[in-house]
Amino acid sequence: MSDLYRLVYASKNLLQGTEAEMTAAVRQILDASQRNNRNVGVTGALMFNAGAFAQVLEGPRRGVEATFERIQRDLRHGDVTVLQCGPAESRGFETWSMAFVGQSAQGQDRFSSLAAESGFDLARLDGDRVFAMLHGLVLEEEALPAGAPAPTSRAAATLDVAQVRAEIAQLRPEATAPVAVLGRATPAPDREPAAPSAGGGAASPRDDAEAALRVLSAALASERDRTSALRAEIDALQITLASTEGRLHGLREERDLWAGRARHLAQVMVREADAVQGMLDAVPPRPVSDARAA
């Protein structure tokens, strides 16, 4: 029996601060999750809005439970509620140590719609629907292969040879031409011509399918590498922007503080000048005769 285990939970979002500070905090959560999850074989997806987090964890049961215990101790989560847990037949997020999804307006609308249907009660959220929502958003936003099988399917995976050949035609118009991967010309792998079938015909459909899968696998791996690199650059820019906005906020507060002090000092000086002038005005002038006698 497979040790694969899945847990779906929701929690209240207790993050504090500006939008930029919350974005930086979520990035910190993701970085830690991705690092820790890789060590224990856990994959999954996370999304959040101003009110709540929703997350899927999947992997070896011991790794999933250890990860969830760490989440329960995290003060950024409140009212952590398990929506679904138990053995799973396959992973829904096999290539993602922790995907971050749902930041599009459409994704947020889906999350808000589920929350509204539950009366904004975390305990009434449907675990299957939360999982399906996150899985669908990963397919849309993280550019996973559109033909990836749904993780809840019990049917054995089959290869759609016609679809593969159509995709190969886009990647490699001619069988003998170099494979174009992300705009770079990559020589086709050296291999001997396929042996003819017993009847002297062309290579078997299985040989064609395996060749097609090799080309697709190389192209998709290269695409994922490039996407991951771009995502890392975007994340770094977001963190830098959040840090810059935080420093600007601090400078504004300091400026306002010194401006307030300057206004207060000016008011005190004006009052003191008025008091001195009042004292001078109160002193009677000396008579002219007294001044000459002196």
C-alpha atoms as a PDB file:
ATOM      1  CA  MET A   1       0.000   0.000   0.000  1.00  0.00           C
ATOM      2  CA  SER A   2       1.301   3.450  -0.916  1.00  0.00           C
ATOM      3  CA  ASP A   3       2.497   5.729   1.873  1.00  0.00           C
ATOM      4  CA  LEU A   4       1.249   8.767  -0.044  1.00  0.00           C
ATOM      5  CA  TYR A   5      -0.864  10.978   2.206  1.00  0.00           C
ATOM      6  CA  ARG A   6      -2.787  14.169   1.549  1.00  0.00           C
ATOM      7  CA  LEU A   7      -3.961  16.890   3.945  1.00  0.00           C
ATOM      8  CA  VAL A   8      -6.063  19.936   3.022  1.00  0.00           C
ATOM      9  CA  TYR A   9      -6.525  22.700   5.580  1.00  0.00           C
ATOM     10  CA  ALA A  10      -7.669  26.294   5.922  1.00  0.00           C
ATOM     11  CA  SER A  11      -6.707  28.892   8.516  1.00  0.00           C
ATOM     12  CA  LYS A  12      -7.293  32.507   9.392  1.00  0.00           C
ATOM     13  CA  ASN A  13      -4.732  34.933   8.008  1.00  0.00           C
ATOM     14  CA  LEU A  14      -3.183  36.722  10.999  1.00  0.00           C
ATOM     15  CA  LEU A  15      -0.559  38.635   9.012  1.00  0.00           C
ATOM     16  CA  GLN A  16      -0.227  42.284   9.994  1.00  0.00           C
ATOM     17  CA  GLY A  17       1.071  45.331   8.135  1.00  0.00           C
ATOM     18  CA  THR A  18       0.843  46.967   4.750  1.00  0.00           C
ATOM     19  CA  GLU A  19       0.185  45.029   1.543  1.00  0.00           C
ATOM     20  CA  ALA A  20       3.901  45.121   0.745  1.00  0.00           C
ATOM     21  CA  GLU A  21       4.781  43.805   4.207  1.00  0.00           C
ATOM     22  CA  MET A  22       2.211  41.020   3.879  1.00  0.00           C
ATOM     23  CA  THR A  23       3.614  40.088   0.454  1.00  0.00           C
ATOM     24  CA  ALA A  24       7.111  39.894   1.914  1.00  0.00           C
ATOM     25  CA  ALA A  25       5.822  37.746   4.812  1.00  0.00           C
ATOM     26  CA  VAL A  26       4.103  35.330   2.421  1.00  0.00           C
ATOM     27  CA  ARG A  27       7.296  35.082   0.367  1.00  0.00           C
ATOM     28  CA  GLN A  28       9.139  34.191   3.574  1.00  0.00           C
ATOM     29  CA  ILE A  29       6.553  31.489   4.309  1.00  0.00           C
ATOM     30  CA  LEU A  30       6.937  30.087   0.779  1.00  0.00           C
ATOM     31  CA  ASP A  31      10.731  30.084   0.859  1.00  0.00           C
ATOM     32  CA  ALA A  32      10.746  28.198   4.170  1.00  0.00           C
ATOM     33  CA  SER A  33       8.035  25.793   2.967  1.00  0.00           C
ATOM     34  CA  GLN A  34       9.808  24.987  -0.291  1.00  0.00           C
ATOM     35  CA  ARG A  35      13.103  24.403   1.510  1.00  0.00           C
ATOM     36  CA  ASN A  36      11.620  22.233   4.269  1.00  0.00           C
ATOM     37  CA  ASN A  37       9.225  20.339   1.997  1.00  0.00           C
ATOM     38  CA  ARG A  38      11.971  19.221  -0.358  1.00  0.00           C
ATOM     39  CA  ASN A  39      13.770  17.631   2.591  1.00  0.00           C
ATOM     40  CA  VAL A  40      10.772  15.453   3.534  1.00  0.00           C
ATOM     41  CA  GLY A  41       9.301  14.776   0.074  1.00  0.00           C
ATOM     42  CA  VAL A  42       6.222  16.973   0.569  1.00  0.00           C
ATOM     43  CA  THR A  43       4.566  18.835  -2.325  1.00  0.00           C
ATOM     44  CA  GLY A  44       1.483  21.017  -2.497  1.00  0.00           C
ATOM     45  CA  ALA A  45       0.012  24.448  -3.133  1.00  0.00           C
ATOM     46  CA  LEU A  46      -0.859  27.543  -1.099  1.00  0.00           C
ATOM     47  CA  MET A  47      -3.129  30.505  -1.627  1.00  0.00           C
ATOM     48  CA  PHE A  48      -4.372  33.277   0.638  1.00  0.00           C
ATOM     49  CA  ASN A  49      -6.457  36.406   0.763  1.00  0.00           C
ATOM     50  CA  ALA A  50      -6.872  39.083   3.403  1.00  0.00           C
ATOM     51  CA  GLY A  51      -8.925  36.719   5.550  1.00  0.00           C
ATOM     52  CA  ALA A  52      -7.653  33.162   5.173  1.00  0.00           C
ATOM     53  CA  PHE A  53      -5.063  30.669   3.951  1.00  0.00           C
ATOM     54  CA  ALA A  54      -5.882  27.458   2.057  1.00  0.00           C
ATOM     55  CA  GLN A  55      -3.213  24.826   1.512  1.00  0.00           C
ATOM     56  CA  VAL A  56      -2.709  21.271   0.267  1.00  0.00           C
ATOM     57  CA  LEU A  57       0.115  19.077   1.605  1.00  0.00           C
ATOM     58  CA  GLU A  58       0.907  15.702   0.050  1.00  0.00           C
ATOM     59  CA  GLY A  59       3.720  13.214   0.470  1.00  0.00           C
ATOM     60  CA  PRO A  60       4.853  10.558   2.960  1.00  0.00           C
ATOM     61  CA  ARG A  61       2.518  10.601   5.954  1.00  0.00           C
ATOM     62  CA  ARG A  62       5.292  11.334   8.420  1.00  0.00           C
ATOM     63  CA  GLY A  63       6.512  14.296   6.332  1.00  0.00           C
ATOM     64  CA  VAL A  64       2.990  15.693   5.898  1.00  0.00           C
ATOM     65  CA  GLU A  65       2.212  15.428   9.616  1.00  0.00           C
ATOM     66  CA  ALA A  66       5.526  17.042  10.627  1.00  0.00           C
ATOM     67  CA  THR A  67       4.888  19.909   8.185  1.00  0.00           C
ATOM     68  CA  PHE A  68       1.350  20.403   9.467  1.00  0.00           C
ATOM     69  CA  GLU A  69       2.509  20.436  13.095  1.00  0.00           C
ATOM     70  CA  ARG A  70       4.934  23.230  12.202  1.00  0.00           C
ATOM     71  CA  ILE A  71       2.100  25.185  10.551  1.00  0.00           C
ATOM     72  CA  GLN A  72      -0.101  24.804  13.641  1.00  0.00           C
ATOM     73  CA  ARG A  73       2.648  26.404  15.758  1.00  0.00           C
ATOM     74  CA  ASP A  74       3.043  29.325  13.325  1.00  0.00           C
ATOM     75  CA  LEU A  75       1.524  32.469  14.871  1.00  0.00           C
ATOM     76  CA  ARG A  76       0.661  33.778  11.408  1.00  0.00           C
ATOM     77  CA  HIS A  77      -2.081  31.123  11.197  1.00  0.00           C
ATOM     78  CA  GLY A  78      -5.196  31.137  13.362  1.00  0.00           C
ATOM     79  CA  ASP A  79      -8.012  28.602  13.766  1.00  0.00           C
ATOM     80  CA  VAL A  80      -6.170  26.008  11.676  1.00  0.00           C
ATOM     81  CA  THR A  81      -8.906  23.656  10.421  1.00  0.00           C
ATOM     82  CA  VAL A  82      -8.347  20.281   8.707  1.00  0.00           C
ATOM     83  CA  LEU A  83     -10.722  19.936   5.748  1.00  0.00           C
ATOM     84  CA  GLN A  84      -9.474  16.602   4.396  1.00  0.00           C
ATOM     85  CA  CYS A  85      -6.790  14.079   5.298  1.00  0.00           C
ATOM     86  CA  GLY A  86      -6.005  10.503   4.393  1.00  0.00           C
ATOM     87  CA  PRO A  87      -4.222   8.233   1.902  1.00  0.00           C
ATOM     88  CA  ALA A  88      -3.992   9.386  -1.723  1.00  0.00           C
ATOM     89  CA  GLU A  89      -3.424   7.396  -4.900  1.00  0.00           C
ATOM     90  CA  SER A  90      -1.377  10.057  -6.714  1.00  0.00           C
ATOM     91  CA  ARG A  91       0.025  13.522  -6.245  1.00  0.00           C
ATOM     92  CA  GLY A  92      -1.787  16.552  -7.574  1.00  0.00           C
ATOM     93  CA  PHE A  93       1.316  18.788  -7.352  1.00  0.00           C
ATOM     94  CA  GLU A  94       4.115  16.378  -8.169  1.00  0.00           C
ATOM     95  CA  THR A  95       6.595  18.972  -9.458  1.00  0.00           C
ATOM     96  CA  TRP A  96       5.909  21.694  -6.879  1.00  0.00           C
ATOM     97  CA  SER A  97       7.454  21.677  -3.390  1.00  0.00           C
ATOM     98  CA  MET A  98       4.941  24.476  -2.745  1.00  0.00           C
ATOM     99  CA  ALA A  99       3.150  26.305  -5.548  1.00  0.00           C
ATOM    100  CA  PHE A 100       1.785  29.785  -4.783  1.00  0.00           C
ATOM    101  CA  VAL A 101      -1.437  30.408  -6.679  1.00  0.00           C
ATOM    102  CA  GLY A 102      -4.654  32.360  -6.694  1.00  0.00           C
ATOM    103  CA  GLN A 103      -3.275  35.896  -6.902  1.00  0.00           C
ATOM    104  CA  SER A 104      -5.183  36.664 -10.096  1.00  0.00           C
ATOM    105  CA  ALA A 105      -8.584  38.335  -9.807  1.00  0.00           C
ATOM    106  CA  GLN A 106     -10.186  35.114 -11.065  1.00  0.00           C
ATOM    107  CA  GLY A 107      -8.393  33.023  -8.452  1.00  0.00           C
ATOM    108  CA  GLN A 108      -9.390  35.383  -5.652  1.00  0.00           C
ATOM    109  CA  ASP A 109     -12.995  35.314  -6.882  1.00  0.00           C
ATOM    110  CA  ARG A 110     -13.018  31.507  -6.680  1.00  0.00           C
ATOM    111  CA  PHE A 111     -11.638  31.556  -3.153  1.00  0.00           C
ATOM    112  CA  SER A 112     -14.118  34.233  -2.069  1.00  0.00           C
ATOM    113  CA  SER A 113     -16.983  32.284  -3.632  1.00  0.00           C
ATOM    114  CA  LEU A 114     -16.085  29.121  -1.696  1.00  0.00           C
ATOM    115  CA  ALA A 115     -15.762  31.136   1.515  1.00  0.00           C
ATOM    116  CA  ALA A 116     -19.141  32.782   0.949  1.00  0.00           C
ATOM    117  CA  GLU A 117     -20.833  29.423   0.328  1.00  0.00           C
ATOM    118  CA  SER A 118     -19.529  28.211   3.695  1.00  0.00           C
ATOM    119  CA  GLY A 119     -20.817  31.310   5.447  1.00  0.00           C
ATOM    120  CA  PHE A 120     -17.154  32.289   5.985  1.00  0.00           C
ATOM    121  CA  ASP A 121     -16.897  29.379   8.435  1.00  0.00           C
ATOM    122  CA  LEU A 122     -13.630  27.490   7.883  1.00  0.00           C
ATOM    123  CA  ALA A 123     -15.070  24.295   9.346  1.00  0.00           C
ATOM    124  CA  ARG A 124     -17.747  24.227   6.631  1.00  0.00           C
ATOM    125  CA  LEU A 125     -15.360  24.499   3.669  1.00  0.00           C
ATOM    126  CA  ASP A 126     -15.399  21.440   1.399  1.00  0.00           C
ATOM    127  CA  GLY A 127     -11.942  19.815   1.284  1.00  0.00           C
ATOM    128  CA  ASP A 128     -12.492  18.244  -2.149  1.00  0.00           C
ATOM    129  CA  ARG A 129     -13.529  21.586  -3.642  1.00  0.00           C
ATOM    130  CA  VAL A 130     -10.592  23.420  -2.059  1.00  0.00           C
ATOM    131  CA  PHE A 131      -8.226  20.783  -3.478  1.00  0.00           C
ATOM    132  CA  ALA A 132      -9.863  20.993  -6.927  1.00  0.00           C
ATOM    133  CA  MET A 133      -9.648  24.791  -6.856  1.00  0.00           C
ATOM    134  CA  LEU A 134      -5.935  24.795  -6.011  1.00  0.00           C
ATOM    135  CA  HIS A 135      -5.180  22.075  -8.552  1.00  0.00           C
ATOM    136  CA  GLY A 136      -7.052  23.979 -11.276  1.00  0.00           C
ATOM    137  CA  LEU A 137      -5.238  27.214 -10.439  1.00  0.00           C
ATOM    138  CA  VAL A 138      -1.864  25.460 -10.624  1.00  0.00           C
ATOM    139  CA  LEU A 139      -2.722  24.190 -14.106  1.00  0.00           C
ATOM    140  CA  GLU A 140      -3.759  27.699 -15.166  1.00  0.00           C
ATOM    141  CA  GLU A 141      -1.191  29.879 -13.426  1.00  0.00           C
ATOM    142  CA  GLU A 142       1.899  27.678 -13.121  1.00  0.00           C
ATOM    143  CA  ALA A 143       1.779  26.355 -16.705  1.00  0.00           C
ATOM    144  CA  LEU A 144       1.768  22.646 -15.940  1.00  0.00           C
ATOM    145  CA  PRO A 145       1.076  20.406 -18.937  1.00  0.00           C
ATOM    146  CA  ALA A 146      -2.561  20.818 -19.879  1.00  0.00           C
ATOM    147  CA  GLY A 147      -2.877  17.045 -20.335  1.00  0.00           C
ATOM    148  CA  ALA A 148      -1.820  16.166 -16.789  1.00  0.00           C
ATOM    149  CA  PRO A 149      -4.253  13.618 -15.326  1.00  0.00           C
ATOM    150  CA  ALA A 150      -6.505  14.734 -12.508  1.00  0.00           C
ATOM    151  CA  PRO A 151      -5.113  13.300  -9.241  1.00  0.00           C
ATOM    152  CA  THR A 152      -8.521  11.928  -8.241  1.00  0.00           C
ATOM    153  CA  SER A 153      -8.772   9.757 -11.350  1.00  0.00           C
ATOM    154  CA  ARG A 154      -8.611   6.002 -10.764  1.00  0.00           C
ATOM    155  CA  ALA A 155      -8.119   5.149 -14.413  1.00  0.00           C
ATOM    156  CA  ALA A 156      -4.694   4.066 -15.619  1.00  0.00           C
ATOM    157  CA  ALA A 157      -2.824   6.797 -17.468  1.00  0.00           C
ATOM    158  CA  THR A 158      -2.847   6.355 -21.244  1.00  0.00           C
ATOM    159  CA  LEU A 159      -0.940   8.120 -23.967  1.00  0.00           C
ATOM    160  CA  ASP A 160      -2.809  10.141 -26.554  1.00  0.00           C
ATOM    161  CA  VAL A 161      -0.439   9.513 -29.463  1.00  0.00           C
ATOM    162  CA  ALA A 162      -2.312  11.876 -31.798  1.00  0.00           C
ATOM    163  CA  GLN A 163      -1.974  14.735 -29.324  1.00  0.00           C
ATOM    164  CA  VAL A 164       1.717  14.013 -28.730  1.00  0.00           C
ATOM    165  CA  ARG A 165       2.414  13.960 -32.462  1.00  0.00           C
ATOM    166  CA  ALA A 166       0.619  17.304 -32.860  1.00  0.00           C
ATOM    167  CA  GLU A 167       2.757  18.811 -30.094  1.00  0.00           C
ATOM    168  CA  ILE A 168       5.906  17.312 -31.617  1.00  0.00           C
ATOM    169  CA  ALA A 169       5.015  18.929 -34.937  1.00  0.00           C
ATOM    170  CA  GLN A 170       5.067  22.314 -33.205  1.00  0.00           C
ATOM    171  CA  LEU A 171       8.374  21.622 -31.492  1.00  0.00           C
ATOM    172  CA  ARG A 172      10.069  19.797 -34.376  1.00  0.00           C
ATOM    173  CA  PRO A 173       8.488  20.327 -37.809  1.00  0.00           C
ATOM    174  CA  GLU A 174      10.824  17.791 -39.418  1.00  0.00           C
ATOM    175  CA  ALA A 175      11.987  14.605 -37.782  1.00  0.00           C
ATOM    176  CA  THR A 176      15.603  15.148 -38.919  1.00  0.00           C
ATOM    177  CA  ALA A 177      15.785  18.828 -37.967  1.00  0.00           C
ATOM    178  CA  PRO A 178      17.297  20.069 -34.680  1.00  0.00           C
ATOM    179  CA  VAL A 179      14.803  20.279 -31.826  1.00  0.00           C
ATOM    180  CA  ALA A 180      13.842  23.892 -31.093  1.00  0.00           C
ATOM    181  CA  VAL A 181      13.596  24.332 -27.338  1.00  0.00           C
ATOM    182  CA  LEU A 182      12.802  27.834 -26.076  1.00  0.00           C
ATOM    183  CA  GLY A 183      14.285  29.462 -29.133  1.00  0.00           C
ATOM    184  CA  ARG A 184      17.597  27.549 -28.952  1.00  0.00           C
ATOM    185  CA  ALA A 185      18.647  24.998 -31.548  1.00  0.00           C
ATOM    186  CA  THR A 186      19.456  21.714 -29.833  1.00  0.00           C
ATOM    187  CA  PRO A 187      20.808  18.810 -31.886  1.00  0.00           C
ATOM    188  CA  ALA A 188      18.494  15.842 -32.013  1.00  0.00           C
ATOM    189  CA  PRO A 189      19.817  12.882 -29.996  1.00  0.00           C
ATOM    190  CA  ASP A 190      21.926  10.410 -31.946  1.00  0.00           C
ATOM    191  CA  ARG A 191      20.257   7.067 -32.289  1.00  0.00           C
ATOM    192  CA  GLU A 192      20.156   4.187 -34.698  1.00  0.00           C
ATOM    193  CA  PRO A 193      17.202   3.928 -37.065  1.00  0.00           C
ATOM    194  CA  ALA A 194      14.341   1.985 -35.532  1.00  0.00           C
ATOM    195  CA  ALA A 195      14.348  -1.661 -36.414  1.00  0.00           C
ATOM    196  CA  PRO A 196      11.600  -2.646 -38.812  1.00  0.00           C
ATOM    197  CA  SER A 197       8.739  -4.713 -37.562  1.00  0.00           C
ATOM    198  CA  ALA A 198       8.478  -8.401 -38.278  1.00  0.00           C
ATOM    199  CA  GLY A 199       6.461  -7.658 -41.374  1.00  0.00           C
ATOM    200  CA  GLY A 200       9.145  -5.275 -42.669  1.00  0.00           C
ATOM    201  CA  GLY A 201       7.068  -2.163 -41.905  1.00  0.00           C
ATOM    202  CA  ALA A 202       7.900   1.077 -40.101  1.00  0.00           C
ATOM    203  CA  ALA A 203       8.754   1.490 -36.437  1.00  0.00           C
ATOM    204  CA  SER A 204       6.081   0.456 -33.969  1.00  0.00           C
ATOM    205  CA  PRO A 205       3.665   3.002 -32.410  1.00  0.00           C
ATOM    206  CA  ARG A 206       5.380   2.358 -29.088  1.00  0.00           C
ATOM    207  CA  ASP A 207       8.742   3.495 -30.528  1.00  0.00           C
ATOM    208  CA  ASP A 208       7.067   6.626 -31.924  1.00  0.00           C
ATOM    209  CA  ALA A 209       5.427   7.324 -28.576  1.00  0.00           C
ATOM    210  CA  GLU A 210       8.699   6.922 -26.664  1.00  0.00           C
ATOM    211  CA  ALA A 211      10.509   9.263 -29.048  1.00  0.00           C
ATOM    212  CA  ALA A 212       7.717  11.800 -28.750  1.00  0.00           C
ATOM    213  CA  LEU A 213       7.806  11.628 -24.969  1.00  0.00           C
ATOM    214  CA  ARG A 214      11.590  12.168 -24.906  1.00  0.00           C
ATOM    215  CA  VAL A 215      11.267  15.340 -26.965  1.00  0.00           C
ATOM    216  CA  LEU A 216       8.348  16.631 -24.901  1.00  0.00           C
ATOM    217  CA  SER A 217      10.107  15.803 -21.657  1.00  0.00           C
ATOM    218  CA  ALA A 218      13.209  17.789 -22.683  1.00  0.00           C
ATOM    219  CA  ALA A 219      11.137  20.754 -23.844  1.00  0.00           C
ATOM    220  CA  LEU A 220       8.975  20.829 -20.723  1.00  0.00           C
ATOM    221  CA  ALA A 221      11.988  20.471 -18.416  1.00  0.00           C
ATOM    222  CA  SER A 222      13.701  23.391 -20.126  1.00  0.00           C
ATOM    223  CA  GLU A 223      10.505  25.455 -19.955  1.00  0.00           C
ATOM    224  CA  ARG A 224      10.097  24.720 -16.256  1.00  0.00           C
ATOM    225  CA  ASP A 225      13.722  25.713 -15.580  1.00  0.00           C
ATOM    226  CA  ARG A 226      13.219  29.009 -17.347  1.00  0.00           C
ATOM    227  CA  THR A 227       9.891  29.629 -15.616  1.00  0.00           C
ATOM    228  CA  SER A 228      11.437  28.885 -12.225  1.00  0.00           C
ATOM    229  CA  ALA A 229      14.313  31.280 -12.912  1.00  0.00           C
ATOM    230  CA  LEU A 230      11.930  34.041 -13.980  1.00  0.00           C
ATOM    231  CA  ARG A 231       9.723  33.419 -10.948  1.00  0.00           C
ATOM    232  CA  ALA A 232      12.778  33.669  -8.664  1.00  0.00           C
ATOM    233  CA  GLU A 233      13.721  37.004 -10.254  1.00  0.00           C
ATOM    234  CA  ILE A 234      10.173  38.314  -9.810  1.00  0.00           C
ATOM    235  CA  ASP A 235      10.142  37.186  -6.178  1.00  0.00           C
ATOM    236  CA  ALA A 236      13.469  38.938  -5.543  1.00  0.00           C
ATOM    237  CA  LEU A 237      12.135  42.138  -7.127  1.00  0.00           C
ATOM    238  CA  GLN A 238       8.966  41.943  -5.018  1.00  0.00           C
ATOM    239  CA  ILE A 239      11.006  41.538  -1.853  1.00  0.00           C
ATOM    240  CA  THR A 240      13.259  44.453  -2.838  1.00  0.00           C
ATOM    241  CA  LEU A 241      10.207  46.577  -3.608  1.00  0.00           C
ATOM    242  CA  ALA A 242       8.606  45.679  -0.287  1.00  0.00           C
ATOM    243  CA  SER A 243      11.841  46.493   1.539  1.00  0.00           C
ATOM    244  CA  THR A 244      12.132  49.811  -0.298  1.00  0.00           C
ATOM    245  CA  GLU A 245       8.531  50.695   0.484  1.00  0.00           C
ATOM    246  CA  GLY A 246       9.173  49.823   4.123  1.00  0.00           C
ATOM    247  CA  ARG A 247      12.207  52.127   4.245  1.00  0.00           C
ATOM    248  CA  LEU A 248      10.250  54.918   2.546  1.00  0.00           C
ATOM    249  CA  HIS A 249       7.469  54.490   5.091  1.00  0.00           C
ATOM    250  CA  GLY A 250      10.023  54.793   7.897  1.00  0.00           C
ATOM    251  CA  LEU A 251      11.562  57.903   6.331  1.00  0.00           C
ATOM    252  CA  ARG A 252       8.131  59.498   5.987  1.00  0.00           C
ATOM    253  CA  GLU A 253       7.383  58.820   9.643  1.00  0.00           C
ATOM    254  CA  GLU A 254      10.745  60.283  10.669  1.00  0.00           C
ATOM    255  CA  ARG A 255      10.161  63.326   8.467  1.00  0.00           C
ATOM    256  CA  ASP A 256       6.722  63.903   9.997  1.00  0.00           C
ATOM    257  CA  LEU A 257       8.176  63.550  13.487  1.00  0.00           C
ATOM    258  CA  TRP A 258      10.872  66.167  12.899  1.00  0.00           C
ATOM    259  CA  ALA A 259       8.426  68.469  11.138  1.00  0.00           C
ATOM    260  CA  GLY A 260       6.124  68.246  14.190  1.00  0.00           C
ATOM    261  CA  ARG A 261       9.018  69.006  16.510  1.00  0.00           C
ATOM    262  CA  ALA A 262      10.035  71.985  14.393  1.00  0.00           C
ATOM    263  CA  ARG A 263       6.486  73.368  14.481  1.00  0.00           C
ATOM    264  CA  HIS A 264       6.348  72.921  18.246  1.00  0.00           C
ATOM    265  CA  LEU A 265       9.726  74.657  18.710  1.00  0.00           C
ATOM    266  CA  ALA A 266       8.625  77.549  16.520  1.00  0.00           C
ATOM    267  CA  GLN A 267       5.433  77.963  18.560  1.00  0.00           C
ATOM    268  CA  VAL A 268       7.435  77.986  21.815  1.00  0.00           C
ATOM    269  CA  MET A 269       9.839  80.604  20.434  1.00  0.00           C
ATOM    270  CA  VAL A 270       6.942  82.808  19.327  1.00  0.00           C
ATOM    271  CA  ARG A 271       5.335  82.566  22.788  1.00  0.00           C
ATOM    272  CA  GLU A 272       8.632  83.414  24.489  1.00  0.00           C
ATOM    273  CA  ALA A 273       9.193  86.387  22.175  1.00  0.00           C
ATOM    274  CA  ASP A 274       5.677  87.629  22.891  1.00  0.00           C
ATOM    275  CA  ALA A 275       6.306  87.275  26.655  1.00  0.00           C
ATOM    276  CA  VAL A 276       9.553  89.261  26.464  1.00  0.00           C
ATOM    277  CA  GLN A 277       7.883  91.940  24.401  1.00  0.00           C
ATOM    278  CA  GLY A 278       5.056  92.108  26.952  1.00  0.00           C
ATOM    279  CA  MET A 279       7.542  92.570  29.790  1.00  0.00           C
ATOM    280  CA  LEU A 280       9.280  95.408  27.936  1.00  0.00           C
ATOM    281  CA  ASP A 281       5.964  97.062  27.218  1.00  0.00           C
ATOM    282  CA  ALA A 282       5.080  96.905  30.923  1.00  0.00           C
ATOM    283  CA  VAL A 283       8.188  98.875  32.032  1.00  0.00           C
ATOM    284  CA  PRO A 284       7.272 102.642  32.347  1.00  0.00           C
ATOM    285  CA  PRO A 285       9.495 105.052  30.441  1.00  0.00           C
ATOM    286  CA  ARG A 286      11.923 107.145  32.557  1.00  0.00           C
ATOM    287  CA  PRO A 287      11.210 110.926  32.891  1.00  0.00           C
ATOM    288  CA  VAL A 288      13.411 113.198  30.809  1.00  0.00           C
ATOM    289  CA  SER A 289      14.604 115.283  33.860  1.00  0.00           C
ATOM    290  CA  ASP A 290      15.692 112.134  35.700  1.00  0.00           C
ATOM    291  CA  ALA A 291      17.628 111.054  32.696  1.00  0.00           C
ATOM    292  CA  ARG A 292      19.534 114.444  32.539  1.00  0.00           C
ATOM    293  CA  ALA A 293      20.258 114.408  36.308  1.00  0.00           C
ATOM    294  CA  ALA A 294      21.808 111.039  35.968  1.00  0.00           C
END
